Structures are given as C-alpha cells and as structure tokens.
Amino acid sequence: YALSRKFHLLVIDGTHNKELIDMTNKLG
C-alpha cells in the first residue's frame, strides 16, 4: 500500500504544477 500511494504521489509531482499538486493532494 505504501508503494502504491508513493506511485500516485510521484505521478502528481511529475506535473511540475504547484497549483494542481496542492489541489490533488488536498483531496487525496
């Protein structure tokens, strides 16, 4: 599960878009 969660976070961070990262992580 920890690695699955990390996979999602890496994809989110890979956008290089702070607003999108913050918005997605807040709901996530």
mmCIF file of all heavy atoms, coordinates in Angstrom:
data_MODEL
# 
_entry.id   MODEL 
# 
loop_
_atom_site.group_PDB 
_atom_site.id 
_atom_site.type_symbol 
_atom_site.label_atom_id 
_atom_site.label_alt_id 
_atom_site.label_comp_id 
_atom_site.label_asym_id 
_atom_site.label_entity_id 
_atom_site.label_seq_id 
_atom_site.pdbx_PDB_ins_code 
_atom_site.Cartn_x 
_atom_site.Cartn_y 
_atom_site.Cartn_z 
_atom_site.occupancy 
_atom_site.B_iso_or_equiv 
_atom_site.pdbx_formal_charge 
_atom_site.auth_seq_id 
_atom_site.auth_comp_id 
_atom_site.auth_asym_id 
_atom_site.auth_atom_id 
_atom_site.pdbx_PDB_model_num 
ATOM 1   N N   . TYR A 1 1  ? 0.831   -1.198 0.000   1.00 0.00 ? 1  TYR A N   1 
ATOM 2   C CA  . TYR A 1 1  ? 0.000   0.000  0.000   1.00 0.00 ? 1  TYR A CA  1 
ATOM 3   C C   . TYR A 1 1  ? 0.869   1.253  0.000   1.00 0.00 ? 1  TYR A C   1 
ATOM 4   O O   . TYR A 1 1  ? 0.579   2.220  -0.727  1.00 0.00 ? 1  TYR A O   1 
ATOM 5   C CB  . TYR A 1 1  ? -0.945  0.064  1.209   1.00 0.00 ? 1  TYR A CB  1 
ATOM 6   C CG  . TYR A 1 1  ? -1.626  1.401  1.238   1.00 0.00 ? 1  TYR A CG  1 
ATOM 7   C CD1 . TYR A 1 1  ? -2.637  1.691  0.331   1.00 0.00 ? 1  TYR A CD1 1 
ATOM 8   C CD2 . TYR A 1 1  ? -1.168  2.415  2.083   1.00 0.00 ? 1  TYR A CD2 1 
ATOM 9   C CE1 . TYR A 1 1  ? -3.204  2.948  0.278   1.00 0.00 ? 1  TYR A CE1 1 
ATOM 10  C CE2 . TYR A 1 1  ? -1.737  3.676  2.030   1.00 0.00 ? 1  TYR A CE2 1 
ATOM 11  C CZ  . TYR A 1 1  ? -2.754  3.942  1.127   1.00 0.00 ? 1  TYR A CZ  1 
ATOM 12  O OH  . TYR A 1 1  ? -3.296  5.196  1.060   1.00 0.00 ? 1  TYR A OH  1 
ATOM 13  N N   . ALA A 1 2  ? 1.934   1.266  0.816   1.00 0.00 ? 2  ALA A N   1 
ATOM 14  C CA  . ALA A 1 2  ? 2.809   2.436  0.891   1.00 0.00 ? 2  ALA A CA  1 
ATOM 15  C C   . ALA A 1 2  ? 3.411   2.748  -0.479  1.00 0.00 ? 2  ALA A C   1 
ATOM 16  O O   . ALA A 1 2  ? 3.491   3.913  -0.886  1.00 0.00 ? 2  ALA A O   1 
ATOM 17  C CB  . ALA A 1 2  ? 3.912   2.202  1.918   1.00 0.00 ? 2  ALA A CB  1 
ATOM 18  N N   . LEU A 1 3  ? 3.805   1.704  -1.190  1.00 0.00 ? 3  LEU A N   1 
ATOM 19  C CA  . LEU A 1 3  ? 4.391   1.899  -2.523  1.00 0.00 ? 3  LEU A CA  1 
ATOM 20  C C   . LEU A 1 3  ? 3.329   2.334  -3.533  1.00 0.00 ? 3  LEU A C   1 
ATOM 21  O O   . LEU A 1 3  ? 3.609   3.141  -4.427  1.00 0.00 ? 3  LEU A O   1 
ATOM 22  C CB  . LEU A 1 3  ? 5.070   0.607  -2.982  1.00 0.00 ? 3  LEU A CB  1 
ATOM 23  C CG  . LEU A 1 3  ? 6.352   0.248  -2.224  1.00 0.00 ? 3  LEU A CG  1 
ATOM 24  C CD1 . LEU A 1 3  ? 6.737   -1.210 -2.473  1.00 0.00 ? 3  LEU A CD1 1 
ATOM 25  C CD2 . LEU A 1 3  ? 7.496   1.172  -2.632  1.00 0.00 ? 3  LEU A CD2 1 
ATOM 26  N N   . SER A 1 4  ? 2.131   1.793  -3.385  1.00 0.00 ? 4  SER A N   1 
ATOM 27  C CA  . SER A 1 4  ? 1.029   2.201  -4.260  1.00 0.00 ? 4  SER A CA  1 
ATOM 28  C C   . SER A 1 4  ? 0.728   3.679  -4.081  1.00 0.00 ? 4  SER A C   1 
ATOM 29  O O   . SER A 1 4  ? 0.523   4.423  -5.049  1.00 0.00 ? 4  SER A O   1 
ATOM 30  C CB  . SER A 1 4  ? -0.216  1.363  -3.955  1.00 0.00 ? 4  SER A CB  1 
ATOM 31  O OG  . SER A 1 4  ? -1.319  1.776  -4.736  1.00 0.00 ? 4  SER A OG  1 
ATOM 32  N N   . ARG A 1 5  ? 0.712   4.106  -2.835  1.00 0.00 ? 5  ARG A N   1 
ATOM 33  C CA  . ARG A 1 5  ? 0.486   5.521  -2.528  1.00 0.00 ? 5  ARG A CA  1 
ATOM 34  C C   . ARG A 1 5  ? 1.623   6.377  -3.100  1.00 0.00 ? 5  ARG A C   1 
ATOM 35  O O   . ARG A 1 5  ? 1.385   7.452  -3.665  1.00 0.00 ? 5  ARG A O   1 
ATOM 36  C CB  . ARG A 1 5  ? 0.392   5.695  -1.009  1.00 0.00 ? 5  ARG A CB  1 
ATOM 37  C CG  . ARG A 1 5  ? 0.336   7.131  -0.511  1.00 0.00 ? 5  ARG A CG  1 
ATOM 38  C CD  . ARG A 1 5  ? -0.973  7.783  -0.826  1.00 0.00 ? 5  ARG A CD  1 
ATOM 39  N NE  . ARG A 1 5  ? -1.056  9.117  -0.264  1.00 0.00 ? 5  ARG A NE  1 
ATOM 40  C CZ  . ARG A 1 5  ? -1.706  10.121 -0.825  1.00 0.00 ? 5  ARG A CZ  1 
ATOM 41  N NH1 . ARG A 1 5  ? -2.336  9.955  -1.971  1.00 0.00 ? 5  ARG A NH1 1 
ATOM 42  N NH2 . ARG A 1 5  ? -1.740  11.311 -0.250  1.00 0.00 ? 5  ARG A NH2 1 
ATOM 43  N N   . LYS A 1 6  ? 2.847   5.895  -2.973  1.00 0.00 ? 6  LYS A N   1 
ATOM 44  C CA  . LYS A 1 6  ? 4.000   6.632  -3.494  1.00 0.00 ? 6  LYS A CA  1 
ATOM 45  C C   . LYS A 1 6  ? 3.921   6.774  -5.012  1.00 0.00 ? 6  LYS A C   1 
ATOM 46  O O   . LYS A 1 6  ? 4.280   7.814  -5.574  1.00 0.00 ? 6  LYS A O   1 
ATOM 47  C CB  . LYS A 1 6  ? 5.304   5.914  -3.097  1.00 0.00 ? 6  LYS A CB  1 
ATOM 48  C CG  . LYS A 1 6  ? 6.563   6.689  -3.455  1.00 0.00 ? 6  LYS A CG  1 
ATOM 49  C CD  . LYS A 1 6  ? 7.800   5.992  -2.918  1.00 0.00 ? 6  LYS A CD  1 
ATOM 50  C CE  . LYS A 1 6  ? 9.064   6.787  -3.230  1.00 0.00 ? 6  LYS A CE  1 
ATOM 51  N NZ  . LYS A 1 6  ? 10.279  6.128  -2.692  1.00 0.00 ? 6  LYS A NZ  1 
ATOM 52  N N   . PHE A 1 7  ? 3.426   5.733  -5.685  1.00 0.00 ? 7  PHE A N   1 
ATOM 53  C CA  . PHE A 1 7  ? 3.266   5.774  -7.138  1.00 0.00 ? 7  PHE A CA  1 
ATOM 54  C C   . PHE A 1 7  ? 2.356   6.941  -7.520  1.00 0.00 ? 7  PHE A C   1 
ATOM 55  O O   . PHE A 1 7  ? 2.668   7.729  -8.426  1.00 0.00 ? 7  PHE A O   1 
ATOM 56  C CB  . PHE A 1 7  ? 2.677   4.448  -7.622  1.00 0.00 ? 7  PHE A CB  1 
ATOM 57  C CG  . PHE A 1 7  ? 2.526   4.337  -9.113  1.00 0.00 ? 7  PHE A CG  1 
ATOM 58  C CD1 . PHE A 1 7  ? 3.525   3.766  -9.884  1.00 0.00 ? 7  PHE A CD1 1 
ATOM 59  C CD2 . PHE A 1 7  ? 1.367   4.789  -9.753  1.00 0.00 ? 7  PHE A CD2 1 
ATOM 60  C CE1 . PHE A 1 7  ? 3.389   3.644  -11.259 1.00 0.00 ? 7  PHE A CE1 1 
ATOM 61  C CE2 . PHE A 1 7  ? 1.224   4.673  -11.130 1.00 0.00 ? 7  PHE A CE2 1 
ATOM 62  C CZ  . PHE A 1 7  ? 2.230   4.111  -11.880 1.00 0.00 ? 7  PHE A CZ  1 
ATOM 63  N N   . HIS A 1 8  ? 1.238   7.062  -6.827  1.00 0.00 ? 8  HIS A N   1 
ATOM 64  C CA  . HIS A 1 8  ? 0.308   8.162  -7.100  1.00 0.00 ? 8  HIS A CA  1 
ATOM 65  C C   . HIS A 1 8  ? 0.973   9.514  -6.866  1.00 0.00 ? 8  HIS A C   1 
ATOM 66  O O   . HIS A 1 8  ? 0.834   10.429 -7.691  1.00 0.00 ? 8  HIS A O   1 
ATOM 67  C CB  . HIS A 1 8  ? -0.922  8.035  -6.200  1.00 0.00 ? 8  HIS A CB  1 
ATOM 68  C CG  . HIS A 1 8  ? -1.928  7.036  -6.667  1.00 0.00 ? 8  HIS A CG  1 
ATOM 69  N ND1 . HIS A 1 8  ? -3.207  7.376  -7.027  1.00 0.00 ? 8  HIS A ND1 1 
ATOM 70  C CD2 . HIS A 1 8  ? -1.834  5.701  -6.839  1.00 0.00 ? 8  HIS A CD2 1 
ATOM 71  C CE1 . HIS A 1 8  ? -3.867  6.291  -7.398  1.00 0.00 ? 8  HIS A CE1 1 
ATOM 72  N NE2 . HIS A 1 8  ? -3.057  5.256  -7.278  1.00 0.00 ? 8  HIS A NE2 1 
ATOM 73  N N   . LEU A 1 9  ? 1.687   9.640  -5.760  1.00 0.00 ? 9  LEU A N   1 
ATOM 74  C CA  . LEU A 1 9  ? 2.324   10.919 -5.428  1.00 0.00 ? 9  LEU A CA  1 
ATOM 75  C C   . LEU A 1 9  ? 3.387   11.307 -6.447  1.00 0.00 ? 9  LEU A C   1 
ATOM 76  O O   . LEU A 1 9  ? 3.545   12.491 -6.767  1.00 0.00 ? 9  LEU A O   1 
ATOM 77  C CB  . LEU A 1 9  ? 2.933   10.849 -4.025  1.00 0.00 ? 9  LEU A CB  1 
ATOM 78  C CG  . LEU A 1 9  ? 1.927   10.715 -2.872  1.00 0.00 ? 9  LEU A CG  1 
ATOM 79  C CD1 . LEU A 1 9  ? 2.658   10.540 -1.542  1.00 0.00 ? 9  LEU A CD1 1 
ATOM 80  C CD2 . LEU A 1 9  ? 0.994   11.912 -2.814  1.00 0.00 ? 9  LEU A CD2 1 
ATOM 81  N N   . LEU A 1 10 ? 4.107   10.319 -6.960  1.00 0.00 ? 10 LEU A N   1 
ATOM 82  C CA  . LEU A 1 10 ? 5.124   10.599 -7.977  1.00 0.00 ? 10 LEU A CA  1 
ATOM 83  C C   . LEU A 1 10 ? 4.499   11.114 -9.264  1.00 0.00 ? 10 LEU A C   1 
ATOM 84  O O   . LEU A 1 10 ? 5.036   12.027 -9.911  1.00 0.00 ? 10 LEU A O   1 
ATOM 85  C CB  . LEU A 1 10 ? 5.951   9.339  -8.257  1.00 0.00 ? 10 LEU A CB  1 
ATOM 86  C CG  . LEU A 1 10 ? 6.948   8.925  -7.173  1.00 0.00 ? 10 LEU A CG  1 
ATOM 87  C CD1 . LEU A 1 10 ? 7.537   7.543  -7.489  1.00 0.00 ? 10 LEU A CD1 1 
ATOM 88  C CD2 . LEU A 1 10 ? 8.079   9.950  -7.048  1.00 0.00 ? 10 LEU A CD2 1 
ATOM 89  N N   . VAL A 1 11 ? 3.371   10.522 -9.636  1.00 0.00 ? 11 VAL A N   1 
ATOM 90  C CA  . VAL A 1 11 ? 2.678   10.996 -10.839 1.00 0.00 ? 11 VAL A CA  1 
ATOM 91  C C   . VAL A 1 11 ? 2.167   12.418 -10.623 1.00 0.00 ? 11 VAL A C   1 
ATOM 92  O O   . VAL A 1 11 ? 2.271   13.267 -11.513 1.00 0.00 ? 11 VAL A O   1 
ATOM 93  C CB  . VAL A 1 11 ? 1.518   10.052 -11.219 1.00 0.00 ? 11 VAL A CB  1 
ATOM 94  C CG1 . VAL A 1 11 ? 0.714   10.643 -12.388 1.00 0.00 ? 11 VAL A CG1 1 
ATOM 95  C CG2 . VAL A 1 11 ? 2.041   8.672  -11.589 1.00 0.00 ? 11 VAL A CG2 1 
ATOM 96  N N   . ILE A 1 12 ? 1.638   12.681 -9.446  1.00 0.00 ? 12 ILE A N   1 
ATOM 97  C CA  . ILE A 1 12 ? 1.142   14.027 -9.141  1.00 0.00 ? 12 ILE A CA  1 
ATOM 98  C C   . ILE A 1 12 ? 2.292   15.039 -9.175  1.00 0.00 ? 12 ILE A C   1 
ATOM 99  O O   . ILE A 1 12 ? 2.183   16.104 -9.797  1.00 0.00 ? 12 ILE A O   1 
ATOM 100 C CB  . ILE A 1 12 ? 0.453   14.043 -7.758  1.00 0.00 ? 12 ILE A CB  1 
ATOM 101 C CG1 . ILE A 1 12 ? -0.825  13.187 -7.797  1.00 0.00 ? 12 ILE A CG1 1 
ATOM 102 C CG2 . ILE A 1 12 ? 0.115   15.476 -7.327  1.00 0.00 ? 12 ILE A CG2 1 
ATOM 103 C CD1 . ILE A 1 12 ? -1.415  12.892 -6.429  1.00 0.00 ? 12 ILE A CD1 1 
ATOM 104 N N   . ASP A 1 13 ? 3.405   14.708 -8.523  1.00 0.00 ? 13 ASP A N   1 
ATOM 105 C CA  . ASP A 1 13 ? 4.556   15.625 -8.501  1.00 0.00 ? 13 ASP A CA  1 
ATOM 106 C C   . ASP A 1 13 ? 5.155   15.814 -9.891  1.00 0.00 ? 13 ASP A C   1 
ATOM 107 O O   . ASP A 1 13 ? 5.743   16.868 -10.184 1.00 0.00 ? 13 ASP A O   1 
ATOM 108 C CB  . ASP A 1 13 ? 5.634   15.093 -7.551  1.00 0.00 ? 13 ASP A CB  1 
ATOM 109 C CG  . ASP A 1 13 ? 5.248   15.249 -6.084  1.00 0.00 ? 13 ASP A CG  1 
ATOM 110 O OD1 . ASP A 1 13 ? 4.323   16.025 -5.797  1.00 0.00 ? 13 ASP A OD1 1 
ATOM 111 O OD2 . ASP A 1 13 ? 5.864   14.574 -5.235  1.00 0.00 ? 13 ASP A OD2 1 
ATOM 112 N N   . GLY A 1 14 ? 5.007   14.799 -10.744 1.00 0.00 ? 14 GLY A N   1 
ATOM 113 C CA  . GLY A 1 14 ? 5.580   14.854 -12.093 1.00 0.00 ? 14 GLY A CA  1 
ATOM 114 C C   . GLY A 1 14 ? 4.938   15.883 -12.995 1.00 0.00 ? 14 GLY A C   1 
ATOM 115 O O   . GLY A 1 14 ? 5.433   16.162 -14.086 1.00 0.00 ? 14 GLY A O   1 
ATOM 116 N N   . THR A 1 15 ? 3.825   16.478 -12.541 1.00 0.00 ? 15 THR A N   1 
ATOM 117 C CA  . THR A 1 15 ? 3.166   17.519 -13.343 1.00 0.00 ? 15 THR A CA  1 
ATOM 118 C C   . THR A 1 15 ? 3.952   18.821 -13.347 1.00 0.00 ? 15 THR A C   1 
ATOM 119 O O   . THR A 1 15 ? 3.805   19.643 -14.244 1.00 0.00 ? 15 THR A O   1 
ATOM 120 C CB  . THR A 1 15 ? 1.759   17.824 -12.795 1.00 0.00 ? 15 THR A CB  1 
ATOM 121 O OG1 . THR A 1 15 ? 1.872   18.386 -11.472 1.00 0.00 ? 15 THR A OG1 1 
ATOM 122 C CG2 . THR A 1 15 ? 0.914   16.565 -12.733 1.00 0.00 ? 15 THR A CG2 1 
ATOM 123 N N   . HIS A 1 16 ? 4.758   19.019 -12.284 1.00 0.00 ? 16 HIS A N   1 
ATOM 124 C CA  . HIS A 1 16 ? 5.513   20.265 -12.120 1.00 0.00 ? 16 HIS A CA  1 
ATOM 125 C C   . HIS A 1 16 ? 4.573   21.472 -12.141 1.00 0.00 ? 16 HIS A C   1 
ATOM 126 O O   . HIS A 1 16 ? 4.902   22.535 -12.676 1.00 0.00 ? 16 HIS A O   1 
ATOM 127 C CB  . HIS A 1 16 ? 6.598   20.402 -13.192 1.00 0.00 ? 16 HIS A CB  1 
ATOM 128 C CG  . HIS A 1 16 ? 7.644   19.337 -13.111 1.00 0.00 ? 16 HIS A CG  1 
ATOM 129 N ND1 . HIS A 1 16 ? 8.753   19.432 -12.308 1.00 0.00 ? 16 HIS A ND1 1 
ATOM 130 C CD2 . HIS A 1 16 ? 7.717   18.117 -13.717 1.00 0.00 ? 16 HIS A CD2 1 
ATOM 131 C CE1 . HIS A 1 16 ? 9.487   18.327 -12.427 1.00 0.00 ? 16 HIS A CE1 1 
ATOM 132 N NE2 . HIS A 1 16 ? 8.870   17.508 -13.276 1.00 0.00 ? 16 HIS A NE2 1 
ATOM 133 N N   . ASN A 1 17 ? 3.388   21.282 -11.558 1.00 0.00 ? 17 ASN A N   1 
ATOM 134 C CA  . ASN A 1 17 ? 2.389   22.350 -11.487 1.00 0.00 ? 17 ASN A CA  1 
ATOM 135 C C   . ASN A 1 17 ? 1.939   22.445 -10.041 1.00 0.00 ? 17 ASN A C   1 
ATOM 136 O O   . ASN A 1 17 ? 1.161   21.614 -9.564  1.00 0.00 ? 17 ASN A O   1 
ATOM 137 C CB  . ASN A 1 17 ? 1.205   22.009 -12.410 1.00 0.00 ? 17 ASN A CB  1 
ATOM 138 C CG  . ASN A 1 17 ? 0.136   23.090 -12.426 1.00 0.00 ? 17 ASN A CG  1 
ATOM 139 O OD1 . ASN A 1 17 ? -0.267  23.594 -11.390 1.00 0.00 ? 17 ASN A OD1 1 
ATOM 140 N ND2 . ASN A 1 17 ? -0.337  23.436 -13.615 1.00 0.00 ? 17 ASN A ND2 1 
ATOM 141 N N   . LYS A 1 18 ? 2.426   23.445 -9.327  1.00 0.00 ? 18 LYS A N   1 
ATOM 142 C CA  . LYS A 1 18 ? 2.188   23.547 -7.883  1.00 0.00 ? 18 LYS A CA  1 
ATOM 143 C C   . LYS A 1 18 ? 0.700   23.621 -7.540  1.00 0.00 ? 18 LYS A C   1 
ATOM 144 O O   . LYS A 1 18 ? 0.246   22.979 -6.585  1.00 0.00 ? 18 LYS A O   1 
ATOM 145 C CB  . LYS A 1 18 ? 2.901   24.772 -7.314  1.00 0.00 ? 18 LYS A CB  1 
ATOM 146 C CG  . LYS A 1 18 ? 2.784   24.888 -5.787  1.00 0.00 ? 18 LYS A CG  1 
ATOM 147 C CD  . LYS A 1 18 ? 3.504   26.095 -5.260  1.00 0.00 ? 18 LYS A CD  1 
ATOM 148 C CE  . LYS A 1 18 ? 3.454   26.144 -3.736  1.00 0.00 ? 18 LYS A CE  1 
ATOM 149 N NZ  . LYS A 1 18 ? 2.063   26.123 -3.202  1.00 0.00 ? 18 LYS A NZ  1 
ATOM 150 N N   . GLU A 1 19 ? -0.068  24.401 -8.301  1.00 0.00 ? 19 GLU A N   1 
ATOM 151 C CA  . GLU A 1 19 ? -1.490  24.538 -8.008  1.00 0.00 ? 19 GLU A CA  1 
ATOM 152 C C   . GLU A 1 19 ? -2.210  23.200 -8.154  1.00 0.00 ? 19 GLU A C   1 
ATOM 153 O O   . GLU A 1 19 ? -3.040  22.825 -7.312  1.00 0.00 ? 19 GLU A O   1 
ATOM 154 C CB  . GLU A 1 19 ? -2.138  25.580 -8.936  1.00 0.00 ? 19 GLU A CB  1 
ATOM 155 C CG  . GLU A 1 19 ? -1.821  27.020 -8.591  1.00 0.00 ? 19 GLU A CG  1 
ATOM 156 C CD  . GLU A 1 19 ? -0.364  27.393 -8.867  1.00 0.00 ? 19 GLU A CD  1 
ATOM 157 O OE1 . GLU A 1 19 ? 0.252   26.729 -9.733  1.00 0.00 ? 19 GLU A OE1 1 
ATOM 158 O OE2 . GLU A 1 19 ? 0.141   28.330 -8.229  1.00 0.00 ? 19 GLU A OE2 1 
ATOM 159 N N   . LEU A 1 20 ? -1.885  22.464 -9.206  1.00 0.00 ? 20 LEU A N   1 
ATOM 160 C CA  . LEU A 1 20 ? -2.502  21.164 -9.438  1.00 0.00 ? 20 LEU A CA  1 
ATOM 161 C C   . LEU A 1 20 ? -2.067  20.162 -8.365  1.00 0.00 ? 20 LEU A C   1 
ATOM 162 O O   . LEU A 1 20 ? -2.885  19.372 -7.870  1.00 0.00 ? 20 LEU A O   1 
ATOM 163 C CB  . LEU A 1 20 ? -2.132  20.643 -10.823 1.00 0.00 ? 20 LEU A CB  1 
ATOM 164 C CG  . LEU A 1 20 ? -2.699  19.280 -11.234 1.00 0.00 ? 20 LEU A CG  1 
ATOM 165 C CD1 . LEU A 1 20 ? -4.216  19.271 -11.165 1.00 0.00 ? 20 LEU A CD1 1 
ATOM 166 C CD2 . LEU A 1 20 ? -2.216  18.909 -12.634 1.00 0.00 ? 20 LEU A CD2 1 
ATOM 167 N N   . ILE A 1 21 ? -0.806  20.205 -7.993  1.00 0.00 ? 21 ILE A N   1 
ATOM 168 C CA  . ILE A 1 21 ? -0.278  19.311 -6.949  1.00 0.00 ? 21 ILE A CA  1 
ATOM 169 C C   . ILE A 1 21 ? -0.991  19.558 -5.628  1.00 0.00 ? 21 ILE A C   1 
ATOM 170 O O   . ILE A 1 21 ? -1.442  18.624 -4.966  1.00 0.00 ? 21 ILE A O   1 
ATOM 171 C CB  . ILE A 1 21 ? 1.249   19.492 -6.795  1.00 0.00 ? 21 ILE A CB  1 
ATOM 172 C CG1 . ILE A 1 21 ? 1.969   18.983 -8.034  1.00 0.00 ? 21 ILE A CG1 1 
ATOM 173 C CG2 . ILE A 1 21 ? 1.760   18.761 -5.547  1.00 0.00 ? 21 ILE A CG2 1 
ATOM 174 C CD1 . ILE A 1 21 ? 3.442   19.357 -8.096  1.00 0.00 ? 21 ILE A CD1 1 
ATOM 175 N N   . ASP A 1 22 ? -1.095  20.832 -5.238  1.00 0.00 ? 22 ASP A N   1 
ATOM 176 C CA  . ASP A 1 22 ? -1.731  21.173 -3.964  1.00 0.00 ? 22 ASP A CA  1 
ATOM 177 C C   . ASP A 1 22 ? -3.204  20.757 -3.951  1.00 0.00 ? 22 ASP A C   1 
ATOM 178 O O   . ASP A 1 22 ? -3.693  20.204 -2.955  1.00 0.00 ? 22 ASP A O   1 
ATOM 179 C CB  . ASP A 1 22 ? -1.620  22.677 -3.700  1.00 0.00 ? 22 ASP A CB  1 
ATOM 180 C CG  . ASP A 1 22 ? -0.193  23.119 -3.395  1.00 0.00 ? 22 ASP A CG  1 
ATOM 181 O OD1 . ASP A 1 22 ? 0.652   22.236 -3.125  1.00 0.00 ? 22 ASP A OD1 1 
ATOM 182 O OD2 . ASP A 1 22 ? 0.078   24.335 -3.435  1.00 0.00 ? 22 ASP A OD2 1 
ATOM 183 N N   . MET A 1 23 ? -3.909  21.025 -5.032  1.00 0.00 ? 23 MET A N   1 
ATOM 184 C CA  . MET A 1 23 ? -5.328  20.708 -5.127  1.00 0.00 ? 23 MET A CA  1 
ATOM 185 C C   . MET A 1 23 ? -5.558  19.190 -5.051  1.00 0.00 ? 23 MET A C   1 
ATOM 186 O O   . MET A 1 23 ? -6.438  18.711 -4.334  1.00 0.00 ? 23 MET A O   1 
ATOM 187 C CB  . MET A 1 23 ? -5.893  21.250 -6.443  1.00 0.00 ? 23 MET A CB  1 
ATOM 188 C CG  . MET A 1 23 ? -7.409  21.151 -6.571  1.00 0.00 ? 23 MET A CG  1 
ATOM 189 S SD  . MET A 1 23 ? -7.961  21.698 -8.221  1.00 0.00 ? 23 MET A SD  1 
ATOM 190 C CE  . MET A 1 23 ? -7.186  23.309 -8.308  1.00 0.00 ? 23 MET A CE  1 
ATOM 191 N N   . THR A 1 24 ? -4.753  18.436 -5.791  1.00 0.00 ? 24 THR A N   1 
ATOM 192 C CA  . THR A 1 24 ? -4.914  16.982 -5.835  1.00 0.00 ? 24 THR A CA  1 
ATOM 193 C C   . THR A 1 24 ? -4.551  16.353 -4.501  1.00 0.00 ? 24 THR A C   1 
ATOM 194 O O   . THR A 1 24 ? -5.255  15.454 -4.009  1.00 0.00 ? 24 THR A O   1 
ATOM 195 C CB  . THR A 1 24 ? -4.044  16.382 -6.956  1.00 0.00 ? 24 THR A CB  1 
ATOM 196 O OG1 . THR A 1 24 ? -4.319  17.050 -8.186  1.00 0.00 ? 24 THR A OG1 1 
ATOM 197 C CG2 . THR A 1 24 ? -4.335  14.894 -7.123  1.00 0.00 ? 24 THR A CG2 1 
ATOM 198 N N   . ASN A 1 25 ? -3.479  16.813 -3.888  1.00 0.00 ? 25 ASN A N   1 
ATOM 199 C CA  . ASN A 1 25 ? -3.061  16.250 -2.599  1.00 0.00 ? 25 ASN A CA  1 
ATOM 200 C C   . ASN A 1 25 ? -4.031  16.586 -1.476  1.00 0.00 ? 25 ASN A C   1 
ATOM 201 O O   . ASN A 1 25 ? -4.210  15.796 -0.541  1.00 0.00 ? 25 ASN A O   1 
ATOM 202 C CB  . ASN A 1 25 ? -1.658  16.732 -2.241  1.00 0.00 ? 25 ASN A CB  1 
ATOM 203 C CG  . ASN A 1 25 ? -0.582  16.004 -3.027  1.00 0.00 ? 25 ASN A CG  1 
ATOM 204 O OD1 . ASN A 1 25 ? -0.798  14.890 -3.496  1.00 0.00 ? 25 ASN A OD1 1 
ATOM 205 N ND2 . ASN A 1 25 ? 0.573   16.627 -3.165  1.00 0.00 ? 25 ASN A ND2 1 
ATOM 206 N N   . LYS A 1 26 ? -4.668  17.744 -1.560  1.00 0.00 ? 26 LYS A N   1 
ATOM 207 C CA  . LYS A 1 26 ? -5.630  18.132 -0.521  1.00 0.00 ? 26 LYS A CA  1 
ATOM 208 C C   . LYS A 1 26 ? -6.808  17.163 -0.496  1.00 0.00 ? 26 LYS A C   1 
ATOM 209 O O   . LYS A 1 26 ? -7.214  16.679 0.568   1.00 0.00 ? 26 LYS A O   1 
ATOM 210 C CB  . LYS A 1 26 ? -6.120  19.560 -0.760  1.00 0.00 ? 26 LYS A CB  1 
ATOM 211 C CG  . LYS A 1 26 ? -7.077  20.054 0.317   1.00 0.00 ? 26 LYS A CG  1 
ATOM 212 C CD  . LYS A 1 26 ? -7.482  21.503 0.069   1.00 0.00 ? 26 LYS A CD  1 
ATOM 213 C CE  . LYS A 1 26 ? -8.428  21.995 1.160   1.00 0.00 ? 26 LYS A CE  1 
ATOM 214 N NZ  . LYS A 1 26 ? -8.833  23.413 0.942   1.00 0.00 ? 26 LYS A NZ  1 
ATOM 215 N N   . LEU A 1 27 ? -7.349  16.850 -1.661  1.00 0.00 ? 27 LEU A N   1 
ATOM 216 C CA  . LEU A 1 27 ? -8.449  15.892 -1.724  1.00 0.00 ? 27 LEU A CA  1 
ATOM 217 C C   . LEU A 1 27 ? -7.937  14.483 -1.474  1.00 0.00 ? 27 LEU A C   1 
ATOM 218 O O   . LEU A 1 27 ? -8.577  13.687 -0.783  1.00 0.00 ? 27 LEU A O   1 
ATOM 219 C CB  . LEU A 1 27 ? -9.147  15.957 -3.086  1.00 0.00 ? 27 LEU A CB  1 
ATOM 220 C CG  . LEU A 1 27 ? -10.296 14.972 -3.303  1.00 0.00 ? 27 LEU A CG  1 
ATOM 221 C CD1 . LEU A 1 27 ? -11.363 15.112 -2.215  1.00 0.00 ? 27 LEU A CD1 1 
ATOM 222 C CD2 . LEU A 1 27 ? -10.915 15.181 -4.684  1.00 0.00 ? 27 LEU A CD2 1 
ATOM 223 N N   . GLY A 1 28 ? -6.758  14.184 -2.005  1.00 0.00 ? 28 GLY A N   1 
ATOM 224 C CA  . GLY A 1 28 ? -6.187  12.844 -1.842  1.00 0.00 ? 28 GLY A CA  1 
ATOM 225 C C   . GLY A 1 28 ? -5.975  12.466 -0.396  1.00 0.00 ? 28 GLY A C   1 
ATOM 226 O O   . GLY A 1 28 ? -6.165  11.299 -0.013  1.00 0.00 ? 28 GLY A O   1 
# 
